[in-house]
Amino acid sequence: MPDTSNTVTKGVLVRIEAKPGREQEVEDFLTGALPLALDEPATTAWFAIKLAPSTFGIFDAFAEDSGRDAHLNGPIAAALMEHAGDLYEAPALEKPDVIASKLPG
């Protein structure tokens, strides 16, 4: 039977399209958010990703809805919305369920 001690069941997927000429600022903002993610005990995994030269994203994973809700009401989400309209248009946010995962541990 697999070890489920690090099981995640909930996720957040955010897609961000940088405004022209603002790509490096978006990348800097996302890399600068890592310390905030590290301070969130219910955030099991957090990734800032670059999908294309001007397309970025964030993927987070959580054990349960309460962790996801805490993250969505936390400082990263607040900062993300604060920069919307300036560095990028409103980000596209989805709340997927995680159906399988592999985590260290």
Protein backbone atom coordinates (compact mmCIF):
# COMPACT_ATOMS: atom_id res chain seq x y z
CA MET A 1 0.00 0.00 0.00
CA PRO A 2 1.43 3.44 -0.93
CA ASP A 3 2.45 5.95 1.73
CA THR A 4 -0.22 8.67 1.81
CA SER A 5 1.35 10.84 4.53
CA ASN A 6 2.18 13.53 1.94
CA THR A 7 -1.02 13.17 -0.07
CA VAL A 8 -2.37 16.28 -1.72
CA THR A 9 -5.90 16.49 -3.00
CA LYS A 10 -6.40 20.16 -3.87
CA GLY A 11 -4.57 22.58 -6.13
CA VAL A 12 -4.48 26.11 -7.40
CA LEU A 13 -3.47 26.86 -10.97
CA VAL A 14 -2.95 30.49 -11.98
CA ARG A 15 -2.09 31.60 -15.49
CA ILE A 16 -0.52 35.05 -15.92
CA GLU A 17 0.08 36.85 -19.22
CA ALA A 18 2.63 39.64 -18.79
CA LYS A 19 1.98 42.95 -20.47
CA PRO A 20 4.44 43.75 -23.27
CA GLY A 21 7.80 44.80 -21.84
CA ARG A 22 6.86 43.70 -18.29
CA GLU A 23 7.99 40.07 -18.56
CA GLN A 24 11.08 40.42 -16.37
CA GLU A 25 9.10 42.25 -13.69
CA VAL A 26 6.53 39.43 -13.61
CA GLU A 27 9.31 36.84 -13.35
CA ASP A 28 10.97 38.84 -10.54
CA PHE A 29 7.64 39.16 -8.73
CA LEU A 30 7.04 35.41 -8.90
CA THR A 31 10.52 34.43 -7.75
CA GLY A 32 10.21 36.97 -4.95
CA ALA A 33 7.02 35.26 -3.73
CA LEU A 34 8.88 32.07 -2.75
CA PRO A 35 9.59 33.20 0.85
CA LEU A 36 5.86 33.86 1.31
CA ALA A 37 5.05 30.34 0.11
CA LEU A 38 7.66 28.89 2.47
CA ASP A 39 5.83 30.58 5.36
CA GLU A 40 2.55 28.81 4.54
CA PRO A 41 2.49 25.54 6.49
CA ALA A 42 -0.59 24.23 4.64
CA THR A 43 1.00 24.76 1.21
CA THR A 44 2.51 21.35 0.47
CA ALA A 45 4.04 22.32 -2.87
CA TRP A 46 4.40 25.66 -4.66
CA PHE A 47 5.77 26.28 -8.14
CA ALA A 48 6.23 29.48 -10.13
CA ILE A 49 6.53 28.53 -13.78
CA LYS A 50 7.31 30.13 -17.13
CA LEU A 51 5.31 28.63 -19.99
CA ALA A 52 6.39 31.00 -22.77
CA PRO A 53 8.30 34.29 -23.00
CA SER A 54 5.34 36.30 -21.66
CA THR A 55 3.22 33.55 -20.09
CA PHE A 56 3.77 32.57 -16.47
CA GLY A 57 1.93 30.55 -13.89
CA ILE A 58 1.71 29.35 -10.33
CA PHE A 59 0.76 25.85 -9.27
CA ASP A 60 0.21 25.01 -5.60
CA ALA A 61 -0.87 21.79 -3.92
CA PHE A 62 -2.63 21.26 -0.60
CA ALA A 63 -3.82 18.36 1.51
CA GLU A 64 -7.31 19.78 1.87
CA ASP A 65 -9.66 22.67 1.09
CA SER A 66 -8.76 24.59 4.26
CA GLY A 67 -5.12 24.91 3.17
CA ARG A 68 -6.14 26.02 -0.29
CA ASP A 69 -8.58 28.54 1.16
CA ALA A 70 -5.94 29.91 3.53
CA HIS A 71 -3.54 30.33 0.61
CA LEU A 72 -6.15 32.08 -1.53
CA ASN A 73 -6.76 34.52 1.33
CA GLY A 74 -3.05 34.97 2.09
CA PRO A 75 -0.28 37.38 1.12
CA ILE A 76 0.66 35.80 -2.22
CA ALA A 77 -2.89 36.04 -3.54
CA ALA A 78 -3.17 39.61 -2.25
CA ALA A 79 0.09 40.60 -3.96
CA LEU A 80 -0.97 38.84 -7.15
CA MET A 81 -4.18 40.87 -7.31
CA GLU A 82 -2.35 44.07 -6.34
CA HIS A 83 -0.20 43.84 -9.49
CA ALA A 84 -3.08 42.89 -11.79
CA GLY A 85 -3.64 45.62 -14.35
CA ASP A 86 -0.10 46.94 -13.89
CA LEU A 87 2.18 44.02 -14.80
CA TYR A 88 -0.50 41.74 -16.27
CA GLU A 89 -4.22 41.49 -16.83
CA ALA A 90 -6.33 39.77 -14.19
CA PRO A 91 -4.85 36.28 -13.76
CA ALA A 92 -6.89 33.22 -14.69
CA LEU A 93 -7.36 31.12 -11.55
CA GLU A 94 -8.53 27.53 -11.38
CA LYS A 95 -9.01 25.26 -8.39
CA PRO A 96 -8.30 21.71 -9.62
CA ASP A 97 -8.52 18.52 -7.62
CA VAL A 98 -5.27 16.54 -7.56
CA ILE A 99 -5.99 12.94 -8.52
CA ALA A 100 -2.40 11.59 -8.24
CA SER A 101 0.90 12.98 -6.98
CA LYS A 102 4.48 12.14 -6.17
CA LEU A 103 6.10 14.20 -3.42
CA PRO A 104 9.40 13.86 -1.61
CA GLY A 105 9.25 12.33 1.77
